[in-house]
Each structure stands twice: as C-alpha cells, then as structure tokens.
Amino acid sequence: MLGAATVLLAVALVRPGWLRVLNRGWMQLGLAMGRVVNPIITGVLFFGVFAPVGVILRMRGKDPLRLRFDAKAESYWIRRTAEVAPSGTMARQF
C-alpha cells in the first residue's frame, strides 16, 4: 500500500494529467454508490425512527406541533403574557 501511495504521489507531482482517468472513475463510483446507499439509509431512518415515533405519539394522543383542528378556538395565536427572557441577556454573548 505504501508503494502504491508513493507511486501515485510521484505521478501526481510530476504528471497530474495522467490521473484524470482514475479521478473520473473514482468519482463515478462514488456517485453510483451514493445513488444506492442514500435512499436505503433515508428509508431506514424514516421507517425505523420517524414513523414509529409518530405512531406512538398519535396512540398516546399527543400533538406537539398543535396541528389538530379546534372548532371552538377563536385564533391559533399563542398569547404571551410575560417576557420570556430579560431584554439584556443577549447583549454580551461572548
């Protein structure tokens, strides 16, 4: 491996154009692998994490984003009575 790395380093320093074919092939391999692996990982993440959490929250009657329709509500605005943080807390952050 060290010998191959030394040869490739020497070629890259002396004649970098010779490595163009290897670079293109390597990039095409990476793009092809990305097209296959990305949907698999995204699907596992969605169906293994997000969907079960959503089902569990619905079964427990939770609505963390308050998306449920309320016919009796005058407005969906959330009234804020007190200031959340004092106004000077962000003055000297660092």
PDB file of N, CA and C in Angstrom:
ATOM      1  N   MET A   1       0.842  -1.195   0.000  1.00  0.00           N
ATOM      2  CA  MET A   1       0.000   0.000   0.000  1.00  0.00           C
ATOM      3  C   MET A   1       0.881   1.250   0.000  1.00  0.00           C
ATOM      4  N   LEU A   2       1.952   1.194   0.794  1.00  0.00           N
ATOM      5  CA  LEU A   2       2.852   2.350   0.857  1.00  0.00           C
ATOM      6  C   LEU A   2       3.521   2.570  -0.501  1.00  0.00           C
ATOM      7  N   GLY A   3       3.871   1.497  -1.187  1.00  0.00           N
ATOM      8  CA  GLY A   3       4.482   1.614  -2.516  1.00  0.00           C
ATOM      9  C   GLY A   3       3.526   2.227  -3.527  1.00  0.00           C
ATOM     10  N   ALA A   4       2.278   1.777  -3.497  1.00  0.00           N
ATOM     11  CA  ALA A   4       1.282   2.329  -4.422  1.00  0.00           C
ATOM     12  C   ALA A   4       1.037   3.805  -4.122  1.00  0.00           C
ATOM     13  N   ALA A   5       0.994   4.158  -2.846  1.00  0.00           N
ATOM     14  CA  ALA A   5       0.803   5.559  -2.466  1.00  0.00           C
ATOM     15  C   ALA A   5       1.975   6.407  -2.927  1.00  0.00           C
ATOM     16  N   THR A   6       3.178   5.883  -2.830  1.00  0.00           N
ATOM     17  CA  THR A   6       4.365   6.624  -3.259  1.00  0.00           C
ATOM     18  C   THR A   6       4.352   6.834  -4.769  1.00  0.00           C
ATOM     19  N   VAL A   7       3.981   5.807  -5.503  1.00  0.00           N
ATOM     20  CA  VAL A   7       3.912   5.933  -6.966  1.00  0.00           C
ATOM     21  C   VAL A   7       2.855   6.949  -7.362  1.00  0.00           C
ATOM     22  N   LEU A   8       1.688   6.884  -6.753  1.00  0.00           N
ATOM     23  CA  LEU A   8       0.617   7.841  -7.083  1.00  0.00           C
ATOM     24  C   LEU A   8       1.008   9.257  -6.695  1.00  0.00           C
ATOM     25  N   LEU A   9       1.706   9.435  -5.584  1.00  0.00           N
ATOM     26  CA  LEU A   9       2.175  10.766  -5.187  1.00  0.00           C
ATOM     27  C   LEU A   9       3.171  11.301  -6.202  1.00  0.00           C
ATOM     28  N   ALA A  10       4.092  10.457  -6.638  1.00  0.00           N
ATOM     29  CA  ALA A  10       5.080  10.896  -7.625  1.00  0.00           C
ATOM     30  C   ALA A  10       4.404  11.279  -8.940  1.00  0.00           C
ATOM     31  N   VAL A  11       3.462  10.476  -9.392  1.00  0.00           N
ATOM     32  CA  VAL A  11       2.736  10.786 -10.629  1.00  0.00           C
ATOM     33  C   VAL A  11       1.940  12.078 -10.464  1.00  0.00           C
ATOM     34  N   ALA A  12       1.326  12.277  -9.305  1.00  0.00           N
ATOM     35  CA  ALA A  12       0.537  13.484  -9.061  1.00  0.00           C
ATOM     36  C   ALA A  12       1.410  14.731  -9.064  1.00  0.00           C
ATOM     37  N   LEU A  13       2.627  14.610  -8.592  1.00  0.00           N
ATOM     38  CA  LEU A  13       3.529  15.760  -8.566  1.00  0.00           C
ATOM     39  C   LEU A  13       4.150  16.039  -9.933  1.00  0.00           C
ATOM     40  N   VAL A  14       4.455  14.975 -10.697  1.00  0.00           N
ATOM     41  CA  VAL A  14       5.152  15.147 -11.969  1.00  0.00           C
ATOM     42  C   VAL A  14       4.167  15.331 -13.130  1.00  0.00           C
ATOM     43  N   ARG A  15       3.198  14.446 -13.260  1.00  0.00           N
ATOM     44  CA  ARG A  15       2.235  14.468 -14.366  1.00  0.00           C
ATOM     45  C   ARG A  15       0.810  14.287 -13.829  1.00  0.00           C
ATOM     46  N   PRO A  16       0.198  15.330 -13.268  1.00  0.00           N
ATOM     47  CA  PRO A  16      -1.142  15.159 -12.686  1.00  0.00           C
ATOM     48  C   PRO A  16      -2.218  14.816 -13.716  1.00  0.00           C
ATOM     49  N   GLY A  17      -2.014  15.146 -14.963  1.00  0.00           N
ATOM     50  CA  GLY A  17      -2.997  14.838 -16.004  1.00  0.00           C
ATOM     51  C   GLY A  17      -3.192  13.343 -16.201  1.00  0.00           C
ATOM     52  N   TRP A  18      -2.183  12.563 -15.896  1.00  0.00           N
ATOM     53  CA  TRP A  18      -2.285  11.112 -16.043  1.00  0.00           C
ATOM     54  C   TRP A  18      -3.311  10.511 -15.080  1.00  0.00           C
ATOM     55  N   LEU A  19      -3.586  11.197 -14.006  1.00  0.00           N
ATOM     56  CA  LEU A  19      -4.516  10.668 -13.000  1.00  0.00           C
ATOM     57  C   LEU A  19      -5.965  11.074 -13.263  1.00  0.00           C
ATOM     58  N   ARG A  20      -6.196  11.783 -14.358  1.00  0.00           N
ATOM     59  CA  ARG A  20      -7.552  12.252 -14.664  1.00  0.00           C
ATOM     60  C   ARG A  20      -8.521  11.087 -14.827  1.00  0.00           C
ATOM     61  N   VAL A  21      -8.098  10.034 -15.502  1.00  0.00           N
ATOM     62  CA  VAL A  21      -8.963   8.866 -15.732  1.00  0.00           C
ATOM     63  C   VAL A  21      -9.304   8.196 -14.395  1.00  0.00           C
ATOM     64  N   LEU A  22      -8.306   8.034 -13.532  1.00  0.00           N
ATOM     65  CA  LEU A  22      -8.575   7.444 -12.216  1.00  0.00           C
ATOM     66  C   LEU A  22      -9.525   8.319 -11.399  1.00  0.00           C
ATOM     67  N   ASN A  23      -9.327   9.636 -11.488  1.00  0.00           N
ATOM     68  CA  ASN A  23     -10.187  10.560 -10.739  1.00  0.00           C
ATOM     69  C   ASN A  23     -11.631  10.456 -11.215  1.00  0.00           C
ATOM     70  N   ARG A  24     -11.828  10.451 -12.525  1.00  0.00           N
ATOM     71  CA  ARG A  24     -13.197  10.348 -13.055  1.00  0.00           C
ATOM     72  C   ARG A  24     -13.850   9.020 -12.675  1.00  0.00           C
ATOM     73  N   GLY A  25     -13.094   7.943 -12.769  1.00  0.00           N
ATOM     74  CA  GLY A  25     -13.634   6.638 -12.381  1.00  0.00           C
ATOM     75  C   GLY A  25     -14.011   6.587 -10.912  1.00  0.00           C
ATOM     76  N   TRP A  26     -13.139   7.144 -10.075  1.00  0.00           N
ATOM     77  CA  TRP A  26     -13.405   7.173  -8.632  1.00  0.00           C
ATOM     78  C   TRP A  26     -14.659   7.999  -8.326  1.00  0.00           C
ATOM     79  N   MET A  27     -14.802   9.141  -9.006  1.00  0.00           N
ATOM     80  CA  MET A  27     -15.981   9.985  -8.798  1.00  0.00           C
ATOM     81  C   MET A  27     -17.254   9.285  -9.274  1.00  0.00           C
ATOM     82  N   GLN A  28     -17.188   8.591 -10.399  1.00  0.00           N
ATOM     83  CA  GLN A  28     -18.362   7.868 -10.889  1.00  0.00           C
ATOM     84  C   GLN A  28     -18.756   6.747  -9.932  1.00  0.00           C
ATOM     85  N   LEU A  29     -17.757   6.068  -9.372  1.00  0.00           N
ATOM     86  CA  LEU A  29     -18.046   5.033  -8.389  1.00  0.00           C
ATOM     87  C   LEU A  29     -18.727   5.640  -7.160  1.00  0.00           C
ATOM     88  N   GLY A  30     -18.219   6.780  -6.692  1.00  0.00           N
ATOM     89  CA  GLY A  30     -18.827   7.448  -5.538  1.00  0.00           C
ATOM     90  C   GLY A  30     -20.257   7.890  -5.811  1.00  0.00           C
ATOM     91  N   LEU A  31     -20.507   8.436  -6.999  1.00  0.00           N
ATOM     92  CA  LEU A  31     -21.869   8.864  -7.350  1.00  0.00           C
ATOM     93  C   LEU A  31     -22.814   7.667  -7.431  1.00  0.00           C
ATOM     94  N   ALA A  32     -22.347   6.564  -8.011  1.00  0.00           N
ATOM     95  CA  ALA A  32     -23.184   5.362  -8.114  1.00  0.00           C
ATOM     96  C   ALA A  32     -23.500   4.806  -6.729  1.00  0.00           C
ATOM     97  N   MET A  33     -22.493   4.767  -5.867  1.00  0.00           N
ATOM     98  CA  MET A  33     -22.727   4.279  -4.502  1.00  0.00           C
ATOM     99  C   MET A  33     -23.694   5.192  -3.760  1.00  0.00           C
ATOM    100  N   GLY A  34     -23.584   6.495  -3.989  1.00  0.00           N
ATOM    101  CA  GLY A  34     -24.495   7.442  -3.344  1.00  0.00           C
ATOM    102  C   GLY A  34     -25.931   7.251  -3.791  1.00  0.00           C
ATOM    103  N   ARG A  35     -26.128   6.937  -5.074  1.00  0.00           N
ATOM    104  CA  ARG A  35     -27.486   6.705  -5.574  1.00  0.00           C
ATOM    105  C   ARG A  35     -28.123   5.465  -4.962  1.00  0.00           C
ATOM    106  N   VAL A  36     -27.311   4.510  -4.580  1.00  0.00           N
ATOM    107  CA  VAL A  36     -27.837   3.279  -3.992  1.00  0.00           C
ATOM    108  C   VAL A  36     -27.981   3.414  -2.472  1.00  0.00           C
ATOM    109  N   VAL A  37     -26.941   3.913  -1.824  1.00  0.00           N
ATOM    110  CA  VAL A  37     -26.900   3.930  -0.360  1.00  0.00           C
ATOM    111  C   VAL A  37     -27.812   5.012   0.226  1.00  0.00           C
ATOM    112  N   ASN A  38     -27.874   6.174  -0.395  1.00  0.00           N
ATOM    113  CA  ASN A  38     -28.653   7.278   0.160  1.00  0.00           C
ATOM    114  C   ASN A  38     -30.130   6.931   0.350  1.00  0.00           C
ATOM    115  N   PRO A  39     -30.839   6.375  -0.638  1.00  0.00           N
ATOM    116  CA  PRO A  39     -32.237   6.008  -0.412  1.00  0.00           C
ATOM    117  C   PRO A  39     -32.408   4.926   0.650  1.00  0.00           C
ATOM    118  N   ILE A  40     -31.453   4.011   0.724  1.00  0.00           N
ATOM    119  CA  ILE A  40     -31.561   2.949   1.734  1.00  0.00           C
ATOM    120  C   ILE A  40     -31.443   3.543   3.134  1.00  0.00           C
ATOM    121  N   ILE A  41     -30.437   4.374   3.360  1.00  0.00           N
ATOM    122  CA  ILE A  41     -30.237   4.986   4.683  1.00  0.00           C
ATOM    123  C   ILE A  41     -31.413   5.899   5.028  1.00  0.00           C
ATOM    124  N   THR A  42     -31.883   6.670   4.057  1.00  0.00           N
ATOM    125  CA  THR A  42     -33.016   7.559   4.314  1.00  0.00           C
ATOM    126  C   THR A  42     -34.269   6.756   4.651  1.00  0.00           C
ATOM    127  N   GLY A  43     -34.511   5.667   3.936  1.00  0.00           N
ATOM    128  CA  GLY A  43     -35.673   4.817   4.223  1.00  0.00           C
ATOM    129  C   GLY A  43     -35.591   4.172   5.584  1.00  0.00           C
ATOM    130  N   VAL A  44     -34.404   3.664   5.939  1.00  0.00           N
ATOM    131  CA  VAL A  44     -34.230   3.062   7.270  1.00  0.00           C
ATOM    132  C   VAL A  44     -34.464   4.108   8.353  1.00  0.00           C
ATOM    133  N   LEU A  45     -33.941   5.311   8.151  1.00  0.00           N
ATOM    134  CA  LEU A  45     -34.128   6.373   9.138  1.00  0.00           C
ATOM    135  C   LEU A  45     -35.607   6.748   9.270  1.00  0.00           C
ATOM    136  N   PHE A  46     -36.296   6.890   8.147  1.00  0.00           N
ATOM    137  CA  PHE A  46     -37.700   7.280   8.202  1.00  0.00           C
ATOM    138  C   PHE A  46     -38.572   6.191   8.813  1.00  0.00           C
ATOM    139  N   PHE A  47     -38.462   4.959   8.255  1.00  0.00           N
ATOM    140  CA  PHE A  47     -39.338   3.886   8.714  1.00  0.00           C
ATOM    141  C   PHE A  47     -38.882   3.273  10.033  1.00  0.00           C
ATOM    142  N   GLY A  48     -37.629   3.496  10.415  1.00  0.00           N
ATOM    143  CA  GLY A  48     -37.136   2.937  11.668  1.00  0.00           C
ATOM    144  C   GLY A  48     -37.199   3.893  12.842  1.00  0.00           C
ATOM    145  N   VAL A  49     -37.251   5.207  12.558  1.00  0.00           N
ATOM    146  CA  VAL A  49     -37.235   6.193  13.643  1.00  0.00           C
ATOM    147  C   VAL A  49     -38.472   7.089  13.602  1.00  0.00           C
ATOM    148  N   PHE A  50     -38.630   7.857  12.525  1.00  0.00           N
ATOM    149  CA  PHE A  50     -39.672   8.879  12.493  1.00  0.00           C
ATOM    150  C   PHE A  50     -41.081   8.303  12.475  1.00  0.00           C
ATOM    151  N   ALA A  51     -41.326   7.299  11.654  1.00  0.00           N
ATOM    152  CA  ALA A  51     -42.666   6.717  11.587  1.00  0.00           C
ATOM    153  C   ALA A  51     -43.083   6.070  12.906  1.00  0.00           C
ATOM    154  N   PRO A  52     -42.230   5.261  13.567  1.00  0.00           N
ATOM    155  CA  PRO A  52     -42.648   4.696  14.852  1.00  0.00           C
ATOM    156  C   PRO A  52     -42.893   5.761  15.926  1.00  0.00           C
ATOM    157  N   VAL A  53     -42.060   6.800  15.944  1.00  0.00           N
ATOM    158  CA  VAL A  53     -42.278   7.873  16.931  1.00  0.00           C
ATOM    159  C   VAL A  53     -43.608   8.561  16.654  1.00  0.00           C
ATOM    160  N   GLY A  54     -43.919   8.806  15.383  1.00  0.00           N
ATOM    161  CA  GLY A  54     -45.201   9.425  15.044  1.00  0.00           C
ATOM    162  C   GLY A  54     -46.385   8.555  15.432  1.00  0.00           C
ATOM    163  N   VAL A  55     -46.274   7.252  15.205  1.00  0.00           N
ATOM    164  CA  VAL A  55     -47.360   6.332  15.571  1.00  0.00           C
ATOM    165  C   VAL A  55     -47.545   6.311  17.090  1.00  0.00           C
ATOM    166  N   ILE A  56     -46.450   6.250  17.824  1.00  0.00           N
ATOM    167  CA  ILE A  56     -46.530   6.225  19.296  1.00  0.00           C
ATOM    168  C   ILE A  56     -47.147   7.518  19.820  1.00  0.00           C
ATOM    169  N   LEU A  57     -46.748   8.665  19.266  1.00  0.00           N
ATOM    170  CA  LEU A  57     -47.321   9.938  19.709  1.00  0.00           C
ATOM    171  C   LEU A  57     -48.812  10.005  19.408  1.00  0.00           C
ATOM    172  N   ARG A  58     -49.220   9.524  18.239  1.00  0.00           N
ATOM    173  CA  ARG A  58     -50.651   9.540  17.911  1.00  0.00           C
ATOM    174  C   ARG A  58     -51.439   8.598  18.811  1.00  0.00           C
ATOM    175  N   MET A  59     -50.858   7.433  19.124  1.00  0.00           N
ATOM    176  CA  MET A  59     -51.557   6.495  20.002  1.00  0.00           C
ATOM    177  C   MET A  59     -51.727   7.071  21.401  1.00  0.00           C
ATOM    178  N   ARG A  60     -50.786   7.886  21.834  1.00  0.00           N
ATOM    179  CA  ARG A  60     -50.872   8.495  23.164  1.00  0.00           C
ATOM    180  C   ARG A  60     -51.673   9.797  23.155  1.00  0.00           C
ATOM    181  N   GLY A  61     -52.112  10.244  21.973  1.00  0.00           N
ATOM    182  CA  GLY A  61     -52.933  11.444  21.879  1.00  0.00           C
ATOM    183  C   GLY A  61     -52.136  12.735  21.946  1.00  0.00           C
ATOM    184  N   LYS A  62     -50.862  12.666  21.689  1.00  0.00           N
ATOM    185  CA  LYS A  62     -50.012  13.863  21.746  1.00  0.00           C
ATOM    186  C   LYS A  62     -50.088  14.611  20.425  1.00  0.00           C
ATOM    187  N   ASP A  63     -49.965  15.940  20.498  1.00  0.00           N
ATOM    188  CA  ASP A  63     -49.932  16.803  19.328  1.00  0.00           C
ATOM    189  C   ASP A  63     -48.902  17.897  19.592  1.00  0.00           C
ATOM    190  N   PRO A  64     -47.601  17.591  19.519  1.00  0.00           N
ATOM    191  CA  PRO A  64     -46.580  18.553  19.915  1.00  0.00           C
ATOM    192  C   PRO A  64     -46.538  19.805  19.038  1.00  0.00           C
ATOM    193  N   LEU A  65     -46.981  19.729  17.802  1.00  0.00           N
ATOM    194  CA  LEU A  65     -46.981  20.902  16.924  1.00  0.00           C
ATOM    195  C   LEU A  65     -48.321  21.634  16.934  1.00  0.00           C
ATOM    196  N   ARG A  66     -49.255  21.146  17.704  1.00  0.00           N
ATOM    197  CA  ARG A  66     -50.605  21.728  17.819  1.00  0.00           C
ATOM    198  C   ARG A  66     -51.251  21.892  16.452  1.00  0.00           C
ATOM    199  N   LEU A  67     -51.292  20.817  15.695  1.00  0.00           N
ATOM    200  CA  LEU A  67     -51.869  20.837  14.352  1.00  0.00           C
ATOM    201  C   LEU A  67     -53.330  20.411  14.329  1.00  0.00           C
ATOM    202  N   ARG A  68     -53.812  19.903  15.433  1.00  0.00           N
ATOM    203  CA  ARG A  68     -55.187  19.414  15.497  1.00  0.00           C
ATOM    204  C   ARG A  68     -56.165  20.589  15.375  1.00  0.00           C
ATOM    205  N   PHE A  69     -57.221  20.390  14.606  1.00  0.00           N
ATOM    206  CA  PHE A  69     -58.228  21.428  14.402  1.00  0.00           C
ATOM    207  C   PHE A  69     -59.084  21.586  15.647  1.00  0.00           C
ATOM    208  N   ASP A  70     -59.313  22.835  16.040  1.00  0.00           N
ATOM    209  CA  ASP A  70     -60.159  23.143  17.183  1.00  0.00           C
ATOM    210  C   ASP A  70     -61.251  24.106  16.721  1.00  0.00           C
ATOM    211  N   ALA A  71     -62.480  23.605  16.591  1.00  0.00           N
ATOM    212  CA  ALA A  71     -63.588  24.432  16.091  1.00  0.00           C
ATOM    213  C   ALA A  71     -63.971  25.537  17.066  1.00  0.00           C
ATOM    214  N   LYS A  72     -63.687  25.358  18.349  1.00  0.00           N
ATOM    215  CA  LYS A  72     -64.067  26.348  19.358  1.00  0.00           C
ATOM    216  C   LYS A  72     -63.042  27.470  19.500  1.00  0.00           C
ATOM    217  N   ALA A  73     -61.883  27.324  18.926  1.00  0.00           N
ATOM    218  CA  ALA A  73     -60.818  28.321  19.092  1.00  0.00           C
ATOM    219  C   ALA A  73     -61.121  29.573  18.287  1.00  0.00           C
ATOM    220  N   GLU A  74     -60.916  30.729  18.906  1.00  0.00           N
ATOM    221  CA  GLU A  74     -61.077  31.995  18.196  1.00  0.00           C
ATOM    222  C   GLU A  74     -59.891  32.230  17.256  1.00  0.00           C
ATOM    223  N   SER A  75     -58.707  31.849  17.734  1.00  0.00           N
ATOM    224  CA  SER A  75     -57.484  32.050  16.976  1.00  0.00           C
ATOM    225  C   SER A  75     -56.473  30.979  17.381  1.00  0.00           C
ATOM    226  N   TYR A  76     -55.525  30.744  16.526  1.00  0.00           N
ATOM    227  CA  TYR A  76     -54.471  29.790  16.850  1.00  0.00           C
ATOM    228  C   TYR A  76     -53.203  30.493  17.339  1.00  0.00           C
ATOM    229  N   TRP A  77     -53.275  31.792  17.485  1.00  0.00           N
ATOM    230  CA  TRP A  77     -52.141  32.540  18.020  1.00  0.00           C
ATOM    231  C   TRP A  77     -51.949  32.167  19.491  1.00  0.00           C
ATOM    232  N   ILE A  78     -50.708  32.096  19.906  1.00  0.00           N
ATOM    233  CA  ILE A  78     -50.397  31.801  21.301  1.00  0.00           C
ATOM    234  C   ILE A  78     -50.122  33.115  22.007  1.00  0.00           C
ATOM    235  N   ARG A  79     -50.918  33.398  23.026  1.00  0.00           N
ATOM    236  CA  ARG A  79     -50.758  34.662  23.762  1.00  0.00           C
ATOM    237  C   ARG A  79     -49.578  34.548  24.713  1.00  0.00           C
ATOM    238  N   ARG A  80     -48.742  35.545  24.697  1.00  0.00           N
ATOM    239  CA  ARG A  80     -47.597  35.627  25.593  1.00  0.00           C
ATOM    240  C   ARG A  80     -47.866  36.753  26.577  1.00  0.00           C
ATOM    241  N   THR A  81     -47.900  36.419  27.863  1.00  0.00           N
ATOM    242  CA  THR A  81     -48.195  37.433  28.862  1.00  0.00           C
ATOM    243  C   THR A  81     -46.928  38.044  29.453  1.00  0.00           C
ATOM    244  N   ALA A  82     -45.948  37.233  29.733  1.00  0.00           N
ATOM    245  CA  ALA A  82     -44.721  37.727  30.343  1.00  0.00           C
ATOM    246  C   ALA A  82     -43.574  37.593  29.349  1.00  0.00           C
ATOM    247  N   GLU A  83     -42.588  38.433  29.533  1.00  0.00           N
ATOM    248  CA  GLU A  83     -41.408  38.359  28.690  1.00  0.00           C
ATOM    249  C   GLU A  83     -40.647  37.078  29.013  1.00  0.00           C
ATOM    250  N   VAL A  84     -40.237  36.351  28.014  1.00  0.00           N
ATOM    251  CA  VAL A  84     -39.583  35.061  28.215  1.00  0.00           C
ATOM    252  C   VAL A  84     -38.225  35.244  28.867  1.00  0.00           C
ATOM    253  N   ALA A  85     -37.430  36.172  28.375  1.00  0.00           N
ATOM    254  CA  ALA A  85     -36.101  36.420  28.928  1.00  0.00           C
ATOM    255  C   ALA A  85     -35.914  37.919  29.106  1.00  0.00           C
ATOM    256  N   PRO A  86     -35.117  38.327  30.068  1.00  0.00           N
ATOM    257  CA  PRO A  86     -34.842  39.762  30.214  1.00  0.00           C
ATOM    258  C   PRO A  86     -34.199  40.316  28.944  1.00  0.00           C
ATOM    259  N   SER A  87     -34.460  41.562  28.654  1.00  0.00           N
ATOM    260  CA  SER A  87     -34.012  42.140  27.395  1.00  0.00           C
ATOM    261  C   SER A  87     -32.496  42.242  27.295  1.00  0.00           C
ATOM    262  N   GLY A  88     -31.780  42.273  28.382  1.00  0.00           N
ATOM    263  CA  GLY A  88     -30.336  42.441  28.329  1.00  0.00           C
ATOM    264  C   GLY A  88     -29.560  41.148  28.247  1.00  0.00           C
ATOM    265  N   THR A  89     -30.207  40.004  28.157  1.00  0.00           N
ATOM    266  CA  THR A  89     -29.491  38.732  28.199  1.00  0.00           C
ATOM    267  C   THR A  89     -28.667  38.460  26.943  1.00  0.00           C
ATOM    268  N   MET A  90     -29.009  39.040  25.826  1.00  0.00           N
ATOM    269  CA  MET A  90     -28.287  38.786  24.582  1.00  0.00           C
ATOM    270  C   MET A  90     -27.280  39.900  24.262  1.00  0.00           C
ATOM    271  N   ALA A  91     -27.088  40.837  25.171  1.00  0.00           N
ATOM    272  CA  ALA A  91     -26.225  41.986  24.887  1.00  0.00           C
ATOM    273  C   ALA A  91     -24.756  41.579  24.803  1.00  0.00           C
ATOM    274  N   ARG A  92     -24.283  40.718  25.702  1.00  0.00           N
ATOM    275  CA  ARG A  92     -22.866  40.347  25.746  1.00  0.00           C
ATOM    276  C   ARG A  92     -22.763  38.818  25.687  1.00  0.00           C
ATOM    277  N   GLN A  93     -22.872  38.290  24.499  1.00  0.00           N
ATOM    278  CA  GLN A  93     -22.882  36.841  24.333  1.00  0.00           C
ATOM    279  C   GLN A  93     -21.510  36.213  24.491  1.00  0.00           C
ATOM    280  N   PHE A  94     -20.482  36.906  24.059  1.00  0.00           N
ATOM    281  CA  PHE A  94     -19.146  36.303  24.064  1.00  0.00           C
ATOM    282  C   PHE A  94     -18.193  37.133  24.880  1.00  0.00           C
TER     283      PHE A  94
END
